[in-house]
PDB file of all heavy atoms in Angstrom:
ATOM      1  N   ALA A   1      26.007  84.464  -8.365  1.00  0.00           N
ATOM      2  CA  ALA A   1      26.592  85.599  -9.076  1.00  0.00           C
ATOM      3  C   ALA A   1      27.942  85.232  -9.678  1.00  0.00           C
ATOM      4  O   ALA A   1      28.275  85.650 -10.792  1.00  0.00           O
ATOM      5  CB  ALA A   1      26.732  86.788  -8.131  1.00  0.00           C
ATOM      6  N   ASN A   2      28.723  84.444  -8.946  1.00  0.00           N
ATOM      7  CA  ASN A   2      30.038  84.027  -9.458  1.00  0.00           C
ATOM      8  C   ASN A   2      29.902  83.157 -10.702  1.00  0.00           C
ATOM      9  O   ASN A   2      30.706  83.257 -11.636  1.00  0.00           O
ATOM     10  CB  ASN A   2      30.811  83.274  -8.372  1.00  0.00           C
ATOM     11  CG  ASN A   2      31.281  84.190  -7.262  1.00  0.00           C
ATOM     12  OD1 ASN A   2      31.443  85.397  -7.451  1.00  0.00           O
ATOM     13  ND2 ASN A   2      31.506  83.620  -6.090  1.00  0.00           N
ATOM     14  N   VAL A   3      28.903  82.269 -10.719  1.00  0.00           N
ATOM     15  CA  VAL A   3      28.685  81.427 -11.903  1.00  0.00           C
ATOM     16  C   VAL A   3      28.364  82.299 -13.117  1.00  0.00           C
ATOM     17  O   VAL A   3      28.904  82.095 -14.212  1.00  0.00           O
ATOM     18  CB  VAL A   3      27.555  80.408 -11.654  1.00  0.00           C
ATOM     19  CG1 VAL A   3      27.168  79.700 -12.950  1.00  0.00           C
ATOM     20  CG2 VAL A   3      27.988  79.375 -10.614  1.00  0.00           C
ATOM     21  N   LYS A   4      27.489  83.272 -12.936  1.00  0.00           N
ATOM     22  CA  LYS A   4      27.107  84.148 -14.045  1.00  0.00           C
ATOM     23  C   LYS A   4      28.299  84.946 -14.570  1.00  0.00           C
ATOM     24  O   LYS A   4      28.367  85.261 -15.767  1.00  0.00           O
ATOM     25  CB  LYS A   4      25.993  85.082 -13.592  1.00  0.00           C
ATOM     26  CG  LYS A   4      24.708  84.349 -13.237  1.00  0.00           C
ATOM     27  CD  LYS A   4      23.715  85.261 -12.526  1.00  0.00           C
ATOM     28  CE  LYS A   4      22.528  84.458 -12.001  1.00  0.00           C
ATOM     29  NZ  LYS A   4      21.576  85.289 -11.234  1.00  0.00           N
ATOM     30  N   ARG A   5      29.230  85.244 -13.673  1.00  0.00           N
ATOM     31  CA  ARG A   5      30.399  86.018 -14.070  1.00  0.00           C
ATOM     32  C   ARG A   5      31.501  85.156 -14.675  1.00  0.00           C
ATOM     33  O   ARG A   5      32.128  85.536 -15.669  1.00  0.00           O
ATOM     34  CB  ARG A   5      30.941  86.762 -12.836  1.00  0.00           C
ATOM     35  CG  ARG A   5      32.203  87.568 -13.056  1.00  0.00           C
ATOM     36  CD  ARG A   5      32.495  88.433 -11.839  1.00  0.00           C
ATOM     37  NE  ARG A   5      32.585  87.658 -10.632  1.00  0.00           N
ATOM     38  CZ  ARG A   5      33.721  87.154 -10.156  1.00  0.00           C
ATOM     39  NH1 ARG A   5      34.852  87.319 -10.814  1.00  0.00           N
ATOM     40  NH2 ARG A   5      33.726  86.471  -9.026  1.00  0.00           N
ATOM     41  N   LEU A   6      31.735  83.978 -14.083  1.00  0.00           N
ATOM     42  CA  LEU A   6      32.882  83.156 -14.468  1.00  0.00           C
ATOM     43  C   LEU A   6      32.540  82.058 -15.473  1.00  0.00           C
ATOM     44  O   LEU A   6      33.433  81.551 -16.157  1.00  0.00           O
ATOM     45  CB  LEU A   6      33.503  82.521 -13.217  1.00  0.00           C
ATOM     46  CG  LEU A   6      34.034  83.511 -12.163  1.00  0.00           C
ATOM     47  CD1 LEU A   6      34.474  82.772 -10.911  1.00  0.00           C
ATOM     48  CD2 LEU A   6      35.178  84.342 -12.730  1.00  0.00           C
ATOM     49  N   ALA A   7      31.271  81.674 -15.550  1.00  0.00           N
ATOM     50  CA  ALA A   7      30.839  80.662 -16.521  1.00  0.00           C
ATOM     51  C   ALA A   7      29.542  81.146 -17.165  1.00  0.00           C
ATOM     52  O   ALA A   7      28.461  80.597 -16.940  1.00  0.00           O
ATOM     53  CB  ALA A   7      30.638  79.310 -15.843  1.00  0.00           C
ATOM     54  N   PRO A   8      29.621  82.195 -17.984  1.00  0.00           N
ATOM     55  CA  PRO A   8      28.416  82.857 -18.495  1.00  0.00           C
ATOM     56  C   PRO A   8      27.535  81.991 -19.376  1.00  0.00           C
ATOM     57  O   PRO A   8      26.370  82.333 -19.599  1.00  0.00           O
ATOM     58  CB  PRO A   8      28.976  84.053 -19.277  1.00  0.00           C
ATOM     59  CG  PRO A   8      30.393  83.684 -19.584  1.00  0.00           C
ATOM     60  CD  PRO A   8      30.856  82.857 -18.443  1.00  0.00           C
ATOM     61  N   GLN A   9      28.059  80.883 -19.893  1.00  0.00           N
ATOM     62  CA  GLN A   9      27.251  79.997 -20.732  1.00  0.00           C
ATOM     63  C   GLN A   9      26.655  78.834 -19.942  1.00  0.00           C
ATOM     64  O   GLN A   9      26.075  77.923 -20.520  1.00  0.00           O
ATOM     65  CB  GLN A   9      28.101  79.453 -21.894  1.00  0.00           C
ATOM     66  CG  GLN A   9      28.685  80.542 -22.787  1.00  0.00           C
ATOM     67  CD  GLN A   9      27.618  81.458 -23.364  1.00  0.00           C
ATOM     68  OE1 GLN A   9      26.566  80.997 -23.783  1.00  0.00           O
ATOM     69  NE2 GLN A   9      27.893  82.754 -23.392  1.00  0.00           N
ATOM     70  N   ALA A  10      26.792  78.856 -18.628  1.00  0.00           N
ATOM     71  CA  ALA A  10      26.200  77.803 -17.807  1.00  0.00           C
ATOM     72  C   ALA A  10      24.680  77.923 -17.807  1.00  0.00           C
ATOM     73  O   ALA A  10      24.127  79.028 -17.862  1.00  0.00           O
ATOM     74  CB  ALA A  10      26.723  77.883 -16.377  1.00  0.00           C
ATOM     75  N   ASP A  11      24.016  76.797 -17.734  1.00  0.00           N
ATOM     76  CA  ASP A  11      22.555  76.751 -17.611  1.00  0.00           C
ATOM     77  C   ASP A  11      22.252  76.654 -16.115  1.00  0.00           C
ATOM     78  O   ASP A  11      22.241  75.566 -15.528  1.00  0.00           O
ATOM     79  CB  ASP A  11      22.016  75.545 -18.377  1.00  0.00           C
ATOM     80  CG  ASP A  11      20.489  75.487 -18.381  1.00  0.00           C
ATOM     81  OD1 ASP A  11      19.860  76.317 -17.697  1.00  0.00           O
ATOM     82  OD2 ASP A  11      19.935  74.607 -19.057  1.00  0.00           O
ATOM     83  N   LEU A  12      22.018  77.802 -15.509  1.00  0.00           N
ATOM     84  CA  LEU A  12      21.948  77.891 -14.048  1.00  0.00           C
ATOM     85  C   LEU A  12      20.511  77.833 -13.551  1.00  0.00           C
ATOM     86  O   LEU A  12      19.669  78.633 -13.948  1.00  0.00           O
ATOM     87  CB  LEU A  12      22.599  79.188 -13.578  1.00  0.00           C
ATOM     88  CG  LEU A  12      22.529  79.499 -12.076  1.00  0.00           C
ATOM     89  CD1 LEU A  12      23.304  78.453 -11.274  1.00  0.00           C
ATOM     90  CD2 LEU A  12      23.075  80.905 -11.804  1.00  0.00           C
ATOM     91  N   THR A  13      20.248  76.878 -12.672  1.00  0.00           N
ATOM     92  CA  THR A  13      18.974  76.811 -11.957  1.00  0.00           C
ATOM     93  C   THR A  13      19.182  77.365 -10.560  1.00  0.00           C
ATOM     94  O   THR A  13      20.169  77.033  -9.895  1.00  0.00           O
ATOM     95  CB  THR A  13      18.474  75.359 -11.868  1.00  0.00           C
ATOM     96  OG1 THR A  13      18.187  74.886 -13.187  1.00  0.00           O
ATOM     97  CG2 THR A  13      17.212  75.264 -11.016  1.00  0.00           C
ATOM     98  N   GLU A  14      18.254  78.202 -10.091  1.00  0.00           N
ATOM     99  CA  GLU A  14      18.368  78.795  -8.762  1.00  0.00           C
ATOM    100  C   GLU A  14      17.173  78.400  -7.896  1.00  0.00           C
ATOM    101  O   GLU A  14      16.017  78.599  -8.288  1.00  0.00           O
ATOM    102  CB  GLU A  14      18.440  80.319  -8.867  1.00  0.00           C
ATOM    103  CG  GLU A  14      19.690  80.818  -9.564  1.00  0.00           C
ATOM    104  CD  GLU A  14      19.733  82.327  -9.648  1.00  0.00           C
ATOM    105  OE1 GLU A  14      20.092  82.971  -8.642  1.00  0.00           O
ATOM    106  OE2 GLU A  14      19.394  82.851 -10.735  1.00  0.00           O
ATOM    107  N   PHE A  15      17.469  77.837  -6.735  1.00  0.00           N
ATOM    108  CA  PHE A  15      16.452  77.505  -5.752  1.00  0.00           C
ATOM    109  C   PHE A  15      16.616  78.411  -4.534  1.00  0.00           C
ATOM    110  O   PHE A  15      17.577  79.180  -4.441  1.00  0.00           O
ATOM    111  CB  PHE A  15      16.579  76.042  -5.313  1.00  0.00           C
ATOM    112  CG  PHE A  15      16.128  75.034  -6.335  1.00  0.00           C
ATOM    113  CD1 PHE A  15      17.053  74.298  -7.065  1.00  0.00           C
ATOM    114  CD2 PHE A  15      14.778  74.796  -6.557  1.00  0.00           C
ATOM    115  CE1 PHE A  15      16.645  73.356  -7.996  1.00  0.00           C
ATOM    116  CE2 PHE A  15      14.355  73.859  -7.485  1.00  0.00           C
ATOM    117  CZ  PHE A  15      15.294  73.138  -8.210  1.00  0.00           C
ATOM    118  N   ASP A  16      15.723  78.285  -3.573  1.00  0.00           N
ATOM    119  CA  ASP A  16      15.835  79.051  -2.332  1.00  0.00           C
ATOM    120  C   ASP A  16      16.809  78.417  -1.345  1.00  0.00           C
ATOM    121  O   ASP A  16      17.351  79.110  -0.485  1.00  0.00           O
ATOM    122  CB  ASP A  16      14.464  79.185  -1.657  1.00  0.00           C
ATOM    123  CG  ASP A  16      13.600  80.249  -2.330  1.00  0.00           C
ATOM    124  OD1 ASP A  16      14.173  81.170  -2.947  1.00  0.00           O
ATOM    125  OD2 ASP A  16      12.368  80.157  -2.242  1.00  0.00           O
ATOM    126  N   GLN A  17      17.010  77.095  -1.436  1.00  0.00           N
ATOM    127  CA  GLN A  17      17.861  76.395  -0.480  1.00  0.00           C
ATOM    128  C   GLN A  17      18.765  75.394  -1.202  1.00  0.00           C
ATOM    129  O   GLN A  17      18.382  74.816  -2.227  1.00  0.00           O
ATOM    130  CB  GLN A  17      17.017  75.660   0.563  1.00  0.00           C
ATOM    131  CG  GLN A  17      16.117  76.572   1.377  1.00  0.00           C
ATOM    132  CD  GLN A  17      15.462  75.860   2.534  1.00  0.00           C
ATOM    133  OE1 GLN A  17      16.059  75.712   3.595  1.00  0.00           O
ATOM    134  NE2 GLN A  17      14.246  75.414   2.342  1.00  0.00           N
ATOM    135  N   TYR A  18      19.957  75.186  -0.638  1.00  0.00           N
ATOM    136  CA  TYR A  18      20.903  74.256  -1.253  1.00  0.00           C
ATOM    137  C   TYR A  18      20.427  72.817  -1.190  1.00  0.00           C
ATOM    138  O   TYR A  18      20.774  71.999  -2.040  1.00  0.00           O
ATOM    139  CB  TYR A  18      22.286  74.394  -0.601  1.00  0.00           C
ATOM    140  CG  TYR A  18      22.981  75.664  -1.014  1.00  0.00           C
ATOM    141  CD1 TYR A  18      23.212  76.682  -0.101  1.00  0.00           C
ATOM    142  CD2 TYR A  18      23.377  75.857  -2.343  1.00  0.00           C
ATOM    143  CE1 TYR A  18      23.836  77.855  -0.488  1.00  0.00           C
ATOM    144  CE2 TYR A  18      23.993  77.030  -2.731  1.00  0.00           C
ATOM    145  CZ  TYR A  18      24.216  78.032  -1.812  1.00  0.00           C
ATOM    146  OH  TYR A  18      24.825  79.199  -2.197  1.00  0.00           O
ATOM    147  N   SER A  19      19.639  72.490  -0.188  1.00  0.00           N
ATOM    148  CA  SER A  19      19.120  71.123  -0.117  1.00  0.00           C
ATOM    149  C   SER A  19      18.262  70.801  -1.345  1.00  0.00           C
ATOM    150  O   SER A  19      18.231  69.659  -1.802  1.00  0.00           O
ATOM    151  CB  SER A  19      18.308  70.933   1.165  1.00  0.00           C
ATOM    152  OG  SER A  19      17.315  71.939   1.298  1.00  0.00           O
ATOM    153  N   ASP A  20      17.590  71.818  -1.909  1.00  0.00           N
ATOM    154  CA  ASP A  20      16.820  71.607  -3.136  1.00  0.00           C
ATOM    155  C   ASP A  20      17.750  71.357  -4.323  1.00  0.00           C
ATOM    156  O   ASP A  20      17.444  70.557  -5.215  1.00  0.00           O
ATOM    157  CB  ASP A  20      15.927  72.814  -3.416  1.00  0.00           C
ATOM    158  CG  ASP A  20      14.833  72.992  -2.370  1.00  0.00           C
ATOM    159  OD1 ASP A  20      14.349  71.976  -1.851  1.00  0.00           O
ATOM    160  OD2 ASP A  20      14.480  74.145  -2.076  1.00  0.00           O
ATOM    161  N   CYS A  21      18.895  72.057  -4.339  1.00  0.00           N
ATOM    162  CA  CYS A  21      19.886  71.813  -5.393  1.00  0.00           C
ATOM    163  C   CYS A  21      20.437  70.392  -5.310  1.00  0.00           C
ATOM    164  O   CYS A  21      20.647  69.731  -6.336  1.00  0.00           O
ATOM    165  CB  CYS A  21      21.044  72.807  -5.267  1.00  0.00           C
ATOM    166  SG  CYS A  21      20.690  74.467  -5.885  1.00  0.00           S
ATOM    167  N   VAL A  22      20.671  69.928  -4.096  1.00  0.00           N
ATOM    168  CA  VAL A  22      21.203  68.571  -3.909  1.00  0.00           C
ATOM    169  C   VAL A  22      20.214  67.544  -4.446  1.00  0.00           C
ATOM    170  O   VAL A  22      20.597  66.572  -5.114  1.00  0.00           O
ATOM    171  CB  VAL A  22      21.516  68.315  -2.419  1.00  0.00           C
ATOM    172  CG1 VAL A  22      21.914  66.854  -2.199  1.00  0.00           C
ATOM    173  CG2 VAL A  22      22.631  69.236  -1.950  1.00  0.00           C
ATOM    174  N   GLN A  23      18.938  67.754  -4.185  1.00  0.00           N
ATOM    175  CA  GLN A  23      17.922  66.826  -4.696  1.00  0.00           C
ATOM    176  C   GLN A  23      17.871  66.868  -6.219  1.00  0.00           C
ATOM    177  O   GLN A  23      17.708  65.833  -6.879  1.00  0.00           O
ATOM    178  CB  GLN A  23      16.554  67.167  -4.117  1.00  0.00           C
ATOM    179  CG  GLN A  23      15.465  66.178  -4.492  1.00  0.00           C
ATOM    180  CD  GLN A  23      15.793  64.746  -4.096  1.00  0.00           C
ATOM    181  OE1 GLN A  23      16.258  64.490  -2.977  1.00  0.00           O
ATOM    182  NE2 GLN A  23      15.583  63.795  -5.002  1.00  0.00           N
ATOM    183  N   ALA A  24      18.047  68.050  -6.801  1.00  0.00           N
ATOM    184  CA  ALA A  24      18.050  68.171  -8.268  1.00  0.00           C
ATOM    185  C   ALA A  24      19.251  67.450  -8.871  1.00  0.00           C
ATOM    186  O   ALA A  24      19.145  66.847  -9.948  1.00  0.00           O
ATOM    187  CB  ALA A  24      18.072  69.648  -8.661  1.00  0.00           C
ATOM    188  N   LEU A  25      20.386  67.472  -8.193  1.00  0.00           N
ATOM    189  CA  LEU A  25      21.554  66.718  -8.649  1.00  0.00           C
ATOM    190  C   LEU A  25      21.310  65.223  -8.509  1.00  0.00           C
ATOM    191  O   LEU A  25      21.629  64.427  -9.413  1.00  0.00           O
ATOM    192  CB  LEU A  25      22.787  67.126  -7.840  1.00  0.00           C
ATOM    193  CG  LEU A  25      24.085  66.353  -8.117  1.00  0.00           C
ATOM    194  CD1 LEU A  25      24.508  66.484  -9.578  1.00  0.00           C
ATOM    195  CD2 LEU A  25      25.211  66.824  -7.182  1.00  0.00           C
ATOM    196  N   ARG A  26      20.678  64.840  -7.435  1.00  0.00           N
ATOM    197  CA  ARG A  26      20.414  63.425  -7.173  1.00  0.00           C
ATOM    198  C   ARG A  26      19.497  62.826  -8.246  1.00  0.00           C
ATOM    199  O   ARG A  26      19.734  61.704  -8.704  1.00  0.00           O
ATOM    200  CB  ARG A  26      19.790  63.267  -5.787  1.00  0.00           C
ATOM    201  CG  ARG A  26      19.440  61.846  -5.408  1.00  0.00           C
ATOM    202  CD  ARG A  26      18.958  61.775  -3.969  1.00  0.00           C
ATOM    203  NE  ARG A  26      20.061  61.852  -3.013  1.00  0.00           N
ATOM    204  CZ  ARG A  26      20.188  62.791  -2.074  1.00  0.00           C
ATOM    205  NH1 ARG A  26      19.267  63.749  -1.963  1.00  0.00           N
ATOM    206  NH2 ARG A  26      21.217  62.786  -1.254  1.00  0.00           N
ATOM    207  N   ASP A  27      18.491  63.572  -8.658  1.00  0.00           N
ATOM    208  CA  ASP A  27      17.546  62.993  -9.625  1.00  0.00           C
ATOM    209  C   ASP A  27      17.846  63.378 -11.074  1.00  0.00           C
ATOM    210  O   ASP A  27      17.074  63.074 -11.974  1.00  0.00           O
ATOM    211  CB  ASP A  27      16.103  63.346  -9.254  1.00  0.00           C
ATOM    212  CG  ASP A  27      15.804  64.842  -9.268  1.00  0.00           C
ATOM    213  OD1 ASP A  27      16.434  65.581 -10.048  1.00  0.00           O
ATOM    214  OD2 ASP A  27      14.928  65.279  -8.491  1.00  0.00           O
ATOM    215  N   GLY A  28      18.973  64.046 -11.304  1.00  0.00           N
ATOM    216  CA  GLY A  28      19.428  64.269 -12.664  1.00  0.00           C
ATOM    217  C   GLY A  28      18.936  65.520 -13.349  1.00  0.00           C
ATOM    218  O   GLY A  28      19.214  65.734 -14.531  1.00  0.00           O
ATOM    219  N   ARG A  29      18.233  66.389 -12.648  1.00  0.00           N
ATOM    220  CA  ARG A  29      17.780  67.632 -13.271  1.00  0.00           C
ATOM    221  C   ARG A  29      18.934  68.585 -13.548  1.00  0.00           C
ATOM    222  O   ARG A  29      18.865  69.424 -14.454  1.00  0.00           O
ATOM    223  CB  ARG A  29      16.734  68.310 -12.389  1.00  0.00           C
ATOM    224  CG  ARG A  29      15.353  67.672 -12.455  1.00  0.00           C
ATOM    225  CD  ARG A  29      14.421  68.323 -11.458  1.00  0.00           C
ATOM    226  NE  ARG A  29      14.729  67.925 -10.087  1.00  0.00           N
ATOM    227  CZ  ARG A  29      14.406  68.636  -9.014  1.00  0.00           C
ATOM    228  NH1 ARG A  29      13.800  69.807  -9.148  1.00  0.00           N
ATOM    229  NH2 ARG A  29      14.706  68.186  -7.797  1.00  0.00           N
ATOM    230  N   VAL A  30      19.990  68.507 -12.733  1.00  0.00           N
ATOM    231  CA  VAL A  30      21.211  69.282 -12.970  1.00  0.00           C
ATOM    232  C   VAL A  30      22.397  68.339 -12.856  1.00  0.00           C
ATOM    233  O   VAL A  30      22.287  67.231 -12.299  1.00  0.00           O
ATOM    234  CB  VAL A  30      21.362  70.455 -11.968  1.00  0.00           C
ATOM    235  CG1 VAL A  30      20.203  71.427 -12.093  1.00  0.00           C
ATOM    236  CG2 VAL A  30      21.496  69.941 -10.540  1.00  0.00           C
ATOM    237  N   GLY A  31      23.536  68.779 -13.374  1.00  0.00           N
ATOM    238  CA  GLY A  31      24.727  67.933 -13.327  1.00  0.00           C
ATOM    239  C   GLY A  31      25.708  68.306 -12.242  1.00  0.00           C
ATOM    240  O   GLY A  31      26.688  67.578 -12.014  1.00  0.00           O
ATOM    241  N   SER A  32      25.445  69.429 -11.536  1.00  0.00           N
ATOM    242  CA  SER A  32      26.350  69.846 -10.474  1.00  0.00           C
ATOM    243  C   SER A  32      25.670  70.849  -9.559  1.00  0.00           C
ATOM    244  O   SER A  32      24.638  71.434  -9.911  1.00  0.00           O
ATOM    245  CB  SER A  32      27.626  70.472 -11.054  1.00  0.00           C
ATOM    246  OG  SER A  32      27.317  71.659 -11.767  1.00  0.00           O
ATOM    247  N   VAL A  33      26.249  71.022  -8.383  1.00  0.00           N
ATOM    248  CA  VAL A  33      25.832  72.053  -7.433  1.00  0.00           C
ATOM    249  C   VAL A  33      27.075  72.857  -7.093  1.00  0.00           C
ATOM    250  O   VAL A  33      28.140  72.282  -6.823  1.00  0.00           O
ATOM    251  CB  VAL A  33      25.236  71.447  -6.146  1.00  0.00           C
ATOM    252  CG1 VAL A  33      24.887  72.547  -5.149  1.00  0.00           C
ATOM    253  CG2 VAL A  33      24.017  70.592  -6.460  1.00  0.00           C
ATOM    254  N   THR A  34      26.960  74.165  -7.102  1.00  0.00           N
ATOM    255  CA  THR A  34      28.131  74.979  -6.761  1.00  0.00           C
ATOM    256  C   THR A  34      27.795  75.981  -5.670  1.00  0.00           C
ATOM    257  O   THR A  34      26.811  76.706  -5.728  1.00  0.00           O
ATOM    258  CB  THR A  34      28.690  75.697  -8.005  1.00  0.00           C
ATOM    259  OG1 THR A  34      29.843  76.481  -7.623  1.00  0.00           O
ATOM    260  CG2 THR A  34      27.659  76.594  -8.666  1.00  0.00           C
ATOM    261  N   THR A  35      28.624  75.967  -4.641  1.00  0.00           N
ATOM    262  CA  THR A  35      28.549  76.909  -3.526  1.00  0.00           C
ATOM    263  C   THR A  35      29.846  76.776  -2.734  1.00  0.00           C
ATOM    264  O   THR A  35      30.820  76.196  -3.217  1.00  0.00           O
ATOM    265  CB  THR A  35      27.316  76.664  -2.648  1.00  0.00           C
ATOM    266  OG1 THR A  35      27.264  77.688  -1.639  1.00  0.00           O
ATOM    267  CG2 THR A  35      27.328  75.307  -1.976  1.00  0.00           C
ATOM    268  N   ASP A  36      29.849  77.259  -1.504  1.00  0.00           N
ATOM    269  CA  ASP A  36      31.065  77.211  -0.689  1.00  0.00           C
ATOM    270  C   ASP A  36      31.457  75.770  -0.379  1.00  0.00           C
ATOM    271  O   ASP A  36      30.592  74.918  -0.118  1.00  0.00           O
ATOM    272  CB  ASP A  36      30.851  77.972   0.614  1.00  0.00           C
ATOM    273  CG  ASP A  36      30.419  79.411   0.382  1.00  0.00           C
ATOM    274  OD1 ASP A  36      30.609  79.909  -0.740  1.00  0.00           O
ATOM    275  OD2 ASP A  36      29.887  80.026   1.317  1.00  0.00           O
ATOM    276  N   ASN A  37      32.770  75.517  -0.367  1.00  0.00           N
ATOM    277  CA  ASN A  37      33.254  74.156  -0.114  1.00  0.00           C
ATOM    278  C   ASN A  37      32.818  73.632   1.251  1.00  0.00           C
ATOM    279  O   ASN A  37      32.546  72.443   1.409  1.00  0.00           O
ATOM    280  CB  ASN A  37      34.774  74.078  -0.265  1.00  0.00           C
ATOM    281  CG  ASN A  37      35.512  75.140   0.540  1.00  0.00           C
ATOM    282  OD1 ASN A  37      34.920  75.914   1.302  1.00  0.00           O
ATOM    283  ND2 ASN A  37      36.818  75.199   0.361  1.00  0.00           N
ATOM    284  N   SER A  38      32.716  74.515   2.241  1.00  0.00           N
ATOM    285  CA  SER A  38      32.297  74.073   3.573  1.00  0.00           C
ATOM    286  C   SER A  38      30.870  73.542   3.551  1.00  0.00           C
ATOM    287  O   SER A  38      30.536  72.582   4.261  1.00  0.00           O
ATOM    288  CB  SER A  38      32.409  75.235   4.567  1.00  0.00           C
ATOM    289  OG  SER A  38      31.718  76.378   4.090  1.00  0.00           O
ATOM    290  N   ILE A  39      30.015  74.153   2.749  1.00  0.00           N
ATOM    291  CA  ILE A  39      28.625  73.683   2.619  1.00  0.00           C
ATOM    292  C   ILE A  39      28.578  72.361   1.862  1.00  0.00           C
ATOM    293  O   ILE A  39      27.913  71.402   2.271  1.00  0.00           O
ATOM    294  CB  ILE A  39      27.766  74.741   1.903  1.00  0.00           C
ATOM    295  CG1 ILE A  39      27.717  76.033   2.726  1.00  0.00           C
ATOM    296  CG2 ILE A  39      26.354  74.212   1.644  1.00  0.00           C
ATOM    297  CD1 ILE A  39      27.046  77.199   2.013  1.00  0.00           C
ATOM    298  N   LEU A  40      29.312  72.297   0.756  1.00  0.00           N
ATOM    299  CA  LEU A  40      29.311  71.082  -0.068  1.00  0.00           C
ATOM    300  C   LEU A  40      29.867  69.886   0.692  1.00  0.00           C
ATOM    301  O   LEU A  40      29.365  68.762   0.545  1.00  0.00           O
ATOM    302  CB  LEU A  40      30.127  71.322  -1.338  1.00  0.00           C
ATOM    303  CG  LEU A  40      29.567  72.376  -2.304  1.00  0.00           C
ATOM    304  CD1 LEU A  40      30.511  72.575  -3.473  1.00  0.00           C
ATOM    305  CD2 LEU A  40      28.172  71.997  -2.795  1.00  0.00           C
ATOM    306  N   LEU A  41      30.890  70.108   1.509  1.00  0.00           N
ATOM    307  CA  LEU A  41      31.475  68.997   2.269  1.00  0.00           C
ATOM    308  C   LEU A  41      30.457  68.375   3.216  1.00  0.00           C
ATOM    309  O   LEU A  41      30.484  67.162   3.452  1.00  0.00           O
ATOM    310  CB  LEU A  41      32.702  69.477   3.045  1.00  0.00           C
ATOM    311  CG  LEU A  41      33.993  69.570   2.241  1.00  0.00           C
ATOM    312  CD1 LEU A  41      35.052  70.355   3.007  1.00  0.00           C
ATOM    313  CD2 LEU A  41      34.518  68.174   1.895  1.00  0.00           C
ATOM    314  N   GLY A  42      29.563  69.202   3.743  1.00  0.00           N
ATOM    315  CA  GLY A  42      28.516  68.656   4.602  1.00  0.00           C
ATOM    316  C   GLY A  42      27.604  67.711   3.849  1.00  0.00           C
ATOM    317  O   GLY A  42      27.256  66.634   4.351  1.00  0.00           O
ATOM    318  N   PHE A  43      27.246  68.060   2.619  1.00  0.00           N
ATOM    319  CA  PHE A  43      26.385  67.186   1.819  1.00  0.00           C
ATOM    320  C   PHE A  43      27.128  65.922   1.370  1.00  0.00           C
ATOM    321  O   PHE A  43      26.550  64.840   1.329  1.00  0.00           O
ATOM    322  CB  PHE A  43      25.856  67.944   0.604  1.00  0.00           C
ATOM    323  CG  PHE A  43      24.895  69.046   0.948  1.00  0.00           C
ATOM    324  CD1 PHE A  43      25.133  70.360   0.557  1.00  0.00           C
ATOM    325  CD2 PHE A  43      23.745  68.773   1.675  1.00  0.00           C
ATOM    326  CE1 PHE A  43      24.242  71.376   0.875  1.00  0.00           C
ATOM    327  CE2 PHE A  43      22.850  69.779   2.003  1.00  0.00           C
ATOM    328  CZ  PHE A  43      23.102  71.085   1.601  1.00  0.00           C
TER     329      PHE A  43
END
C-alpha cells in the first residue's frame, strides 16, 4: 500500500510471501523488494 501511495508509477508485483519476492529479485524479474527493514535484513 505504501508503494502505491508513495511511488504511484512503480511497476509493482505482489506475491503471497516475501521469499517469492526475493527469488524474483534473484532471477531478474524485479529490480527490488520493499518491506520492513527487519525482514529485509534477514534476507
